[in-house]
């Protein structure tokens, strides 16, 4: 089936057709590395990694680029506050980013370019824009002539005359027009800088991505992705400067994930209303965090709260329990090459449903519903005394396929429980039942079940044995 994706540029779902058959060039805007990433930064890392994984499942060779902005006002400020070198700050948080997203199941990009390693290409890019009349120099700064690019505003669906200065666009008396944006910034005294034809300075924010995309992926890329907040002005400016330089479309498909709120309120570092992924990973299994993010369609806003995360955990544990019980029963059955027809049909229906949802703009939320269906059918199959080992292996293979596509690890995350640990859990379960906290009692039962501990409630108390 054809993959359809919602293209922000056209505001419609379009059938995906890459520039080069069988290959996909994909660029995702990476972080400015001055701190640990928050849950809002983690969302695009997770959802677009999933898009990449699905494209690879469909047989595409994906050239995936995620950049690091390693020179910026924020990085310089942190370096000054800590009396550190700018490079030292950037390196530390690049390392932290990679560790955090690796824990969240994100595959390394094909390319992880840095701004500071692309300075010569950025200068060359700007020189071409000046030569073509799309940029001008003022006191060592270089600005892009926004109004000269006639289709400016198309991505964000805004009229050029109605646009107001947005994020990182500053009104400056030196500009010919308030909407013109900086390609190169003249250096202040003692600031990190590089020599250029216009004097010492450093790149503007927007020019970085255009240059790195061209350097590694070429003039026209298939997919450009990032958070919804980047559509204007960042991605709008990327289109303008890239297409002004090459005369070719910059990206054919633009994908943007929705906003993340915290307890139904907009994230804000100034008010402290944000959650660092680094801290969250220490509190919760990272595969649960990823499952939670993917349980909402990537274009929709997602509200993060610990209450909702814990509710998601209950469903995720049901899936994990079904998976591990399946593995346990397979180990106990003797080999058989026969797959029961009735289950074969059910598995085909579940797989087709999952793939259909993923083909429809990567709808992981709906696709996950088929994993719950798979878990339910697996539990039924396990109870069937006549089921063959080959049938259960087919169930397991489909689980593995779904979670490989979604990038979620559901392998055993704990060693076998010791006898005294089981006794402690049983005592806690009995206490919960006495206090009529049946949800807690059931959770402990499920935890033991996942470890293949069989419980038997008797008049003399609960007995257990290893399955």
Protein backbone atom coordinates (compact mmCIF):
# COMPACT_ATOMS: atom_id res chain seq x y z
CA UNK A 1 0.00 0.00 0.00
CA UNK A 2 1.04 3.58 -0.62
CA UNK A 3 2.37 5.67 2.26
CA UNK A 4 0.50 8.94 2.66
CA UNK A 5 1.85 11.75 4.81
CA UNK A 6 0.47 15.14 5.75
CA UNK A 7 2.54 17.81 4.04
CA UNK A 8 2.53 21.11 5.93
CA UNK A 9 3.51 22.87 2.71
CA UNK A 10 0.30 21.86 0.91
CA UNK A 11 -1.83 21.19 4.00
CA UNK A 12 -3.00 17.89 2.52
CA UNK A 13 -2.12 14.21 2.78
CA UNK A 14 -0.01 13.22 -0.19
CA UNK A 15 1.24 9.91 -1.54
CA UNK A 16 4.94 9.64 -0.83
CA UNK A 17 7.22 9.56 -3.86
CA UNK A 18 10.93 10.09 -3.14
CA UNK A 19 13.18 11.94 -5.55
CA UNK A 20 15.24 8.81 -6.08
CA UNK A 21 13.38 5.47 -6.13
CA UNK A 22 14.17 3.31 -3.11
CA UNK A 23 16.02 6.06 -1.26
CA UNK A 24 14.87 8.74 1.18
CA UNK A 25 16.76 11.89 2.15
CA UNK A 26 15.42 13.08 5.52
CA UNK A 27 16.47 16.08 7.61
CA UNK A 28 15.29 16.62 11.19
CA UNK A 29 16.13 19.80 13.09
CA UNK A 30 18.22 18.92 16.12
CA UNK A 31 18.74 20.69 19.45
CA UNK A 32 20.66 23.77 20.46
CA UNK A 33 22.98 22.13 22.96
CA UNK A 34 23.10 24.32 26.06
CA UNK A 35 21.12 22.10 28.45
CA UNK A 36 19.52 18.69 28.78
CA UNK A 37 16.58 18.17 26.43
CA UNK A 38 13.03 18.39 27.79
CA UNK A 39 10.08 16.19 26.89
CA UNK A 40 9.14 18.61 24.09
CA UNK A 41 12.54 18.01 22.45
CA UNK A 42 12.23 14.27 22.98
CA UNK A 43 8.95 14.07 21.06
CA UNK A 44 10.33 14.88 17.58
CA UNK A 45 13.34 12.66 18.26
CA UNK A 46 10.99 9.75 18.95
CA UNK A 47 8.29 10.32 16.32
CA UNK A 48 10.62 10.99 13.40
CA UNK A 49 12.83 8.08 14.40
CA UNK A 50 9.64 6.01 14.09
CA UNK A 51 8.94 7.49 10.65
CA UNK A 52 12.47 6.53 9.65
CA UNK A 53 12.03 3.01 11.02
CA UNK A 54 8.79 2.53 9.12
CA UNK A 55 10.29 3.77 5.87
CA UNK A 56 13.13 1.29 6.36
CA UNK A 57 10.61 -1.48 7.02
CA UNK A 58 8.99 -0.54 3.70
CA UNK A 59 12.30 -1.15 1.98
CA UNK A 60 13.68 2.37 1.66
CA UNK A 61 17.30 3.24 2.29
CA UNK A 62 17.02 6.30 4.55
CA UNK A 63 19.78 8.90 4.68
CA UNK A 64 18.85 10.53 8.00
CA UNK A 65 20.40 13.79 9.18
CA UNK A 66 19.92 15.42 12.59
CA UNK A 67 22.09 18.43 13.29
CA UNK A 68 23.49 20.02 16.44
CA UNK A 69 23.52 23.79 16.85
CA UNK A 70 26.73 24.04 18.87
CA UNK A 71 27.22 27.82 18.73
CA UNK A 72 24.45 30.14 19.91
CA UNK A 73 23.74 32.97 22.34
CA UNK A 74 22.37 30.51 24.90
CA UNK A 75 25.48 28.32 24.73
CA UNK A 76 27.74 31.34 25.08
CA UNK A 77 25.73 32.53 28.09
CA UNK A 78 26.00 29.14 29.84
CA UNK A 79 29.72 28.99 29.10
CA UNK A 80 30.24 32.46 30.60
CA UNK A 81 28.17 31.61 33.68
CA UNK A 82 30.20 28.47 34.32
CA UNK A 83 33.51 29.94 33.24
CA UNK A 84 33.82 27.19 30.64
CA UNK A 85 34.76 26.99 27.00
CA UNK A 86 31.84 27.10 24.55
CA UNK A 87 33.01 23.87 22.93
CA UNK A 88 33.16 22.17 26.31
CA UNK A 89 29.54 23.09 27.05
CA UNK A 90 28.37 21.95 23.62
CA UNK A 91 30.24 18.65 23.81
CA UNK A 92 28.80 17.85 27.22
CA UNK A 93 25.21 18.37 26.14
CA UNK A 94 25.66 16.64 22.78
CA UNK A 95 26.85 13.62 24.75
CA UNK A 96 23.86 13.95 27.10
CA UNK A 97 21.46 14.23 24.17
CA UNK A 98 22.80 11.08 22.55
CA UNK A 99 22.57 9.18 25.84
CA UNK A 100 18.99 10.30 26.48
CA UNK A 101 17.62 9.55 23.01
CA UNK A 102 19.50 6.24 22.86
CA UNK A 103 17.71 5.25 26.06
CA UNK A 104 14.43 6.24 24.36
CA UNK A 105 15.13 3.86 21.49
CA UNK A 106 16.26 6.45 18.93
CA UNK A 107 18.71 5.14 16.34
CA UNK A 108 21.83 7.20 15.60
CA UNK A 109 21.42 9.45 12.56
CA UNK A 110 23.33 8.75 9.38
CA UNK A 111 24.86 12.21 9.88
CA UNK A 112 25.12 14.35 13.02
CA UNK A 113 26.75 17.54 11.65
CA UNK A 114 27.65 20.50 13.83
CA UNK A 115 27.50 24.15 12.91
CA UNK A 116 31.10 24.76 13.99
CA UNK A 117 32.24 22.09 11.54
CA UNK A 118 30.34 23.68 8.63
CA UNK A 119 31.52 27.31 8.80
CA UNK A 120 33.32 27.40 5.43
CA UNK A 121 30.26 25.97 3.65
CA UNK A 122 28.00 28.49 5.40
CA UNK A 123 30.19 31.39 4.26
CA UNK A 124 30.16 30.08 0.67
CA UNK A 125 26.37 29.70 0.81
CA UNK A 126 25.96 33.31 1.95
CA UNK A 127 28.33 34.59 -0.74
CA UNK A 128 26.13 33.08 -3.43
CA UNK A 129 23.04 34.76 -1.93
CA UNK A 130 24.82 38.11 -1.94
CA UNK A 131 25.93 37.62 -5.55
CA UNK A 132 22.34 36.82 -6.56
CA UNK A 133 21.01 39.95 -4.86
CA UNK A 134 19.15 38.09 -2.11
CA UNK A 135 21.36 39.32 0.73
CA UNK A 136 23.15 42.51 1.77
CA UNK A 137 25.89 43.52 4.19
CA UNK A 138 25.55 46.14 6.94
CA UNK A 139 28.42 46.81 9.37
CA UNK A 140 29.64 43.22 9.23
CA UNK A 141 26.14 41.70 9.49
CA UNK A 142 24.55 39.97 6.50
CA UNK A 143 20.76 39.94 6.06
CA UNK A 144 18.44 38.07 3.71
CA UNK A 145 16.01 40.16 1.64
CA UNK A 146 12.78 38.46 2.67
CA UNK A 147 10.45 40.35 0.32
CA UNK A 148 12.60 39.47 -2.69
CA UNK A 149 11.59 35.82 -2.22
CA UNK A 150 8.03 36.05 -3.57
CA UNK A 151 6.60 32.85 -2.06
CA UNK A 152 7.73 33.67 1.47
CA UNK A 153 5.04 32.67 3.98
CA UNK A 154 3.69 29.75 1.96
CA UNK A 155 4.74 27.05 4.46
CA UNK A 156 3.16 28.81 7.44
CA UNK A 157 0.20 29.98 5.28
CA UNK A 158 0.77 33.66 6.00
CA UNK A 159 0.69 36.71 3.78
CA UNK A 160 4.02 38.50 3.54
CA UNK A 161 2.42 41.86 4.35
CA UNK A 162 0.63 40.45 7.39
CA UNK A 163 3.65 38.71 8.89
CA UNK A 164 4.96 40.00 12.15
CA UNK A 165 8.41 39.43 13.54
CA UNK A 166 8.54 35.98 15.12
CA UNK A 167 10.92 33.95 17.20
CA UNK A 168 14.58 34.91 16.68
CA UNK A 169 13.62 37.67 14.20
CA UNK A 170 14.63 40.99 15.71
CA UNK A 171 13.74 44.43 14.46
CA UNK A 172 16.99 46.25 13.75
CA UNK A 173 17.57 49.78 12.45
CA UNK A 174 20.25 48.38 10.14
CA UNK A 175 17.78 46.20 8.27
CA UNK A 176 16.19 47.33 5.03
CA UNK A 177 12.97 45.63 6.17
CA UNK A 178 11.92 44.39 9.66
CA UNK A 179 11.26 40.91 8.21
CA UNK A 180 14.79 40.51 6.87
CA UNK A 181 16.72 37.95 8.89
CA UNK A 182 20.37 37.49 9.76
CA UNK A 183 22.57 35.14 7.79
CA UNK A 184 25.78 36.27 9.49
CA UNK A 185 26.27 38.20 12.73
CA UNK A 186 29.25 40.46 13.32
CA UNK A 187 31.15 39.42 16.44
CA UNK A 188 31.02 41.37 19.65
CA UNK A 189 34.27 41.91 21.51
CA UNK A 190 35.78 38.69 22.95
CA UNK A 191 32.96 36.61 21.46
CA UNK A 192 33.49 33.28 19.70
CA UNK A 193 33.84 34.09 16.02
CA UNK A 194 35.25 33.08 12.64
CA UNK A 195 36.82 35.22 9.90
CA UNK A 196 34.65 35.97 6.87
CA UNK A 197 34.63 38.37 3.87
CA UNK A 198 32.45 40.67 5.99
CA UNK A 199 34.56 40.57 9.14
CA UNK A 200 34.75 38.25 12.14
CA UNK A 201 31.42 36.80 13.17
CA UNK A 202 29.27 33.68 13.33
CA UNK A 203 26.31 32.26 11.43
CA UNK A 204 22.69 33.17 11.94
CA UNK A 205 20.45 30.34 13.09
CA UNK A 206 18.48 29.63 9.92
CA UNK A 207 21.42 29.42 7.49
CA UNK A 208 22.90 26.51 9.44
CA UNK A 209 20.23 23.97 8.49
CA UNK A 210 20.08 25.00 4.84
CA UNK A 211 23.83 24.60 4.51
CA UNK A 212 24.06 21.27 6.30
CA UNK A 213 21.11 19.85 4.34
CA UNK A 214 22.74 20.86 1.05
CA UNK A 215 26.16 19.56 2.08
CA UNK A 216 25.00 16.09 3.10
CA UNK A 217 21.72 15.55 1.22
CA UNK A 218 21.86 17.75 -1.88
CA UNK A 219 19.75 20.58 -3.29
CA UNK A 220 16.37 18.88 -2.86
CA UNK A 221 15.54 16.57 0.02
CA UNK A 222 12.52 14.32 0.41
CA UNK A 223 11.43 14.99 3.99
CA UNK A 224 12.17 17.88 6.33
CA UNK A 225 10.81 17.44 9.83
CA UNK A 226 10.69 19.16 13.18
CA UNK A 227 8.43 20.59 15.86
CA UNK A 228 5.41 22.70 14.96
CA UNK A 229 7.06 25.70 16.60
CA UNK A 230 9.79 25.64 13.90
CA UNK A 231 7.45 26.09 10.92
CA UNK A 232 7.71 29.88 11.31
CA UNK A 233 10.12 31.49 11.09
CA UNK A 234 12.85 28.84 11.01
CA UNK A 235 11.58 26.52 8.29
CA UNK A 236 10.08 29.39 6.34
CA UNK A 237 13.50 31.03 6.27
CA UNK A 238 15.22 27.78 5.32
CA UNK A 239 12.98 27.50 2.26
CA UNK A 240 13.61 31.10 1.24
CA UNK A 241 17.41 31.04 1.46
CA UNK A 242 17.78 27.50 0.04
CA UNK A 243 15.53 28.00 -2.97
CA UNK A 244 16.93 31.49 -3.60
CA UNK A 245 20.37 29.91 -3.83
CA UNK A 246 19.58 26.80 -5.90
CA UNK A 247 16.41 27.70 -7.80
CA UNK A 248 15.09 24.22 -6.86
CA UNK A 249 12.53 22.98 -4.30
CA UNK A 250 14.24 22.63 -0.95
CA UNK A 251 12.08 19.82 0.51
CA UNK A 252 9.13 18.00 -1.03
CA UNK A 253 7.43 16.95 2.22
CA UNK A 254 7.33 18.92 5.46
CA UNK A 255 6.34 17.05 8.63
CA UNK A 256 5.70 18.82 11.93
CA UNK A 257 4.83 17.26 15.29
CA UNK A 258 2.34 18.91 17.62
CA UNK A 259 3.06 20.80 20.82
CA UNK A 260 3.64 19.20 24.22
CA UNK A 261 1.92 20.65 27.27
CA UNK A 262 2.65 19.84 30.92
CA UNK A 263 -0.47 19.20 33.02
CA UNK A 264 -2.53 21.03 30.35
CA UNK A 265 -0.32 24.13 30.51
CA UNK A 266 2.18 25.37 27.92
CA UNK A 267 5.75 24.42 28.66
CA UNK A 268 7.78 27.35 29.90
CA UNK A 269 11.30 27.36 31.31
CA UNK A 270 10.72 30.80 32.81
CA UNK A 271 7.92 29.42 35.02
CA UNK A 272 9.58 26.06 35.59
CA UNK A 273 6.77 24.22 33.78
CA UNK A 274 8.88 21.68 31.92
CA UNK A 275 10.20 18.16 32.41
CA UNK A 276 13.71 17.12 31.41
CA UNK A 277 13.89 13.83 29.54
CA UNK A 278 17.05 13.09 31.53
CA UNK A 279 15.10 13.18 34.81
CA UNK A 280 12.10 11.33 33.42
CA UNK A 281 14.24 8.42 32.22
CA UNK A 282 15.53 7.99 35.77
CA UNK A 283 11.97 7.73 37.10
CA UNK A 284 10.27 5.60 34.44
CA UNK A 285 11.28 2.85 32.01
CA UNK A 286 12.32 4.67 28.80
CA UNK A 287 10.32 2.21 26.67
CA UNK A 288 7.18 3.32 28.56
CA UNK A 289 7.97 6.98 27.83
CA UNK A 290 8.34 6.17 24.12
CA UNK A 291 5.11 4.14 24.13
CA UNK A 292 3.34 7.10 25.77
CA UNK A 293 4.62 9.54 23.14
CA UNK A 294 3.56 7.24 20.30
CA UNK A 295 0.11 6.65 21.79
CA UNK A 296 -0.89 10.04 20.36
CA UNK A 297 -0.75 10.88 16.65
CA UNK A 298 2.39 12.89 16.01
CA UNK A 299 0.55 15.92 14.58
CA UNK A 300 -1.78 16.22 17.55
CA UNK A 301 -0.87 18.07 20.73
CA UNK A 302 0.05 15.80 23.62
CA UNK A 303 -0.44 16.53 27.29
CA UNK A 304 2.18 15.13 29.61
CA UNK A 305 1.37 14.32 33.20
CA UNK A 306 2.50 11.61 35.58
CA UNK A 307 -1.13 10.56 36.03
CA UNK A 308 -1.54 9.91 32.32
CA UNK A 309 1.85 8.23 32.12
CA UNK A 310 0.87 5.83 34.91
CA UNK A 311 -2.43 5.10 33.18
CA UNK A 312 -0.51 4.27 30.02
CA UNK A 313 1.75 2.02 32.07
CA UNK A 314 -1.16 -0.28 32.91
CA UNK A 315 -1.90 -0.94 29.25
CA UNK A 316 1.76 -1.29 28.39
CA UNK A 317 2.22 -3.87 31.15
CA UNK A 318 -0.68 -5.92 29.71
CA UNK A 319 1.13 -6.05 26.39
CA UNK A 320 4.45 -6.97 28.01
CA UNK A 321 2.81 -9.67 30.09
CA UNK A 322 1.19 -11.20 27.03
CA UNK A 323 4.52 -11.12 25.21
CA UNK A 324 6.52 -12.74 28.02
CA UNK A 325 3.85 -15.35 28.73
CA UNK A 326 3.96 -16.19 25.03
CA UNK A 327 7.72 -16.70 25.15
CA UNK A 328 7.37 -18.84 28.26
CA UNK A 329 4.75 -21.13 26.70
CA UNK A 330 6.75 -21.48 23.49
CA UNK A 331 9.67 -22.80 25.51
CA UNK A 332 7.43 -25.46 27.05
CA UNK A 333 5.97 -26.77 23.78
CA UNK A 334 7.61 -29.28 21.51
CA UNK A 335 8.41 -28.26 17.94
CA UNK A 336 5.71 -28.16 15.27
CA UNK A 337 5.72 -26.72 11.75
CA UNK A 338 1.92 -26.51 11.60
CA UNK A 339 0.26 -23.10 12.03
CA UNK A 340 -3.40 -23.18 12.99
CA UNK A 341 -5.45 -21.66 10.15
CA UNK A 342 -7.81 -19.73 12.40
CA UNK A 343 -4.91 -17.96 14.10
CA UNK A 344 -3.12 -17.43 10.81
CA UNK A 345 -6.13 -15.47 9.56
CA UNK A 346 -6.36 -13.43 12.77
CA UNK A 347 -2.67 -12.58 12.62
CA UNK A 348 -2.96 -11.49 8.99
CA UNK A 349 -5.90 -9.21 9.87
CA UNK A 350 -3.99 -7.65 12.77
CA UNK A 351 -0.87 -7.08 10.69
CA UNK A 352 -2.86 -5.57 7.81
CA UNK A 353 -4.63 -3.22 10.22
CA UNK A 354 -1.34 -2.08 11.78
CA UNK A 355 0.26 -1.45 8.38
CA UNK A 356 -2.81 0.39 7.10
CA UNK A 357 -2.63 2.82 10.02
CA UNK A 358 1.10 3.38 9.62
CA UNK A 359 0.58 4.07 5.91
CA UNK A 360 -1.98 6.72 6.86
CA UNK A 361 0.37 9.49 7.97
CA UNK A 362 2.21 7.25 10.44
CA UNK A 363 -0.77 6.94 12.78
CA UNK A 364 0.96 5.19 15.65
CA UNK A 365 -1.97 5.86 17.98
CA UNK A 366 -4.30 3.70 15.90
CA UNK A 367 -1.55 1.21 15.06
CA UNK A 368 -1.01 0.56 18.78
CA UNK A 369 -4.65 -0.54 19.09
CA UNK A 370 -3.72 -3.53 16.93
CA UNK A 371 -0.95 -4.44 19.37
CA UNK A 372 -3.56 -4.60 22.13
CA UNK A 373 -5.64 -6.80 19.83
CA UNK A 374 -2.59 -9.01 19.26
CA UNK A 375 -2.03 -9.30 23.03
CA UNK A 376 -5.66 -10.30 23.57
CA UNK A 377 -5.53 -12.97 20.87
CA UNK A 378 -2.18 -14.23 22.19
CA UNK A 379 -3.67 -14.73 25.65
CA UNK A 380 -6.55 -16.70 24.14
CA UNK A 381 -4.15 -18.83 22.09
CA UNK A 382 -2.05 -19.61 25.16
CA UNK A 383 -5.11 -21.02 26.92
CA UNK A 384 -5.84 -23.32 23.96
CA UNK A 385 -4.43 -26.71 24.91
CA UNK A 386 -4.26 -27.74 21.23
CA UNK A 387 -2.30 -24.72 20.02
CA UNK A 388 0.95 -25.51 18.19
CA UNK A 389 4.37 -24.11 18.91
CA UNK A 390 4.52 -22.77 15.34
CA UNK A 391 1.35 -20.76 15.96
CA UNK A 392 2.74 -19.12 19.09
CA UNK A 393 5.98 -18.38 17.25
CA UNK A 394 3.93 -16.53 14.61
CA UNK A 395 2.36 -14.44 17.38
CA UNK A 396 5.79 -13.69 18.82
CA UNK A 397 7.21 -12.74 15.41
CA UNK A 398 4.38 -10.25 14.87
CA UNK A 399 4.97 -8.70 18.30
CA UNK A 400 8.65 -8.36 17.43
CA UNK A 401 7.85 -6.76 14.08
CA UNK A 402 5.50 -4.18 15.56
CA UNK A 403 7.88 -3.17 18.30
CA UNK A 404 10.86 -3.05 15.96
CA UNK A 405 8.92 -0.57 13.80
CA UNK A 406 7.91 1.48 16.85
CA UNK A 407 11.39 1.24 18.35
CA UNK A 408 10.16 -0.11 21.68
CA UNK A 409 12.05 -2.71 23.68
CA UNK A 410 9.80 -5.21 25.47
CA UNK A 411 12.45 -7.78 26.29
CA UNK A 412 12.82 -8.96 29.89
CA UNK A 413 14.05 -6.02 31.96
CA UNK A 414 14.64 -7.90 35.19
CA UNK A 415 16.40 -11.02 36.35
CA UNK A 416 14.49 -13.91 37.89
CA UNK A 417 13.04 -12.97 41.24
CA UNK A 418 14.56 -14.55 44.33
CA UNK A 419 12.28 -16.61 46.59
CA UNK A 420 12.37 -13.99 49.35
CA UNK A 421 11.47 -11.26 46.84
CA UNK A 422 8.44 -13.27 45.75
CA UNK A 423 7.40 -13.72 49.38
CA UNK A 424 7.71 -9.97 49.95
CA UNK A 425 5.55 -9.23 46.90
CA UNK A 426 2.94 -11.73 48.06
CA UNK A 427 2.85 -10.10 51.49
CA UNK A 428 2.37 -6.69 49.82
CA UNK A 429 -0.42 -8.16 47.69
CA UNK A 430 -2.19 -9.58 50.75
CA UNK A 431 -1.90 -6.21 52.48
CA UNK A 432 -3.35 -4.44 49.41
CA UNK A 433 -6.26 -6.88 49.29
CA UNK A 434 -6.95 -6.37 52.98
CA UNK A 435 -7.04 -2.61 52.36
CA UNK A 436 -9.31 -3.19 49.33
CA UNK A 437 -6.65 -1.67 47.05
CA UNK A 438 -7.43 -4.16 44.33
CA UNK A 439 -5.65 -2.21 41.61
CA UNK A 440 -2.37 -2.56 43.50
CA UNK A 441 -3.06 -6.23 44.22
CA UNK A 442 -3.73 -6.90 40.54
CA UNK A 443 -0.58 -5.03 39.53
CA UNK A 444 1.53 -7.23 41.82
CA UNK A 445 -0.17 -10.34 40.44
CA UNK A 446 0.62 -9.20 36.89
CA UNK A 447 4.21 -8.45 37.85
CA UNK A 448 4.62 -11.99 39.19
CA UNK A 449 2.86 -13.44 36.16
CA UNK A 450 5.32 -11.68 33.88
CA UNK A 451 8.10 -13.45 35.78
CA UNK A 452 6.30 -16.77 35.24
CA UNK A 453 5.21 -17.10 38.87
CA UNK A 454 1.93 -19.01 39.17
CA UNK A 455 -0.31 -18.06 42.11
CA UNK A 456 -2.93 -20.24 43.74
CA UNK A 457 -5.26 -18.65 46.27
CA UNK A 458 -6.35 -21.17 48.91
CA UNK A 459 -8.13 -21.06 52.27
CA UNK A 460 -4.72 -21.33 53.90
CA UNK A 461 -3.35 -18.36 51.90
CA UNK A 462 -1.66 -17.84 48.56
CA UNK A 463 0.75 -20.42 47.27
CA UNK A 464 3.14 -19.94 44.41
CA UNK A 465 5.29 -21.95 42.03
CA UNK A 466 7.50 -21.20 39.12
CA UNK A 467 5.89 -21.86 35.73
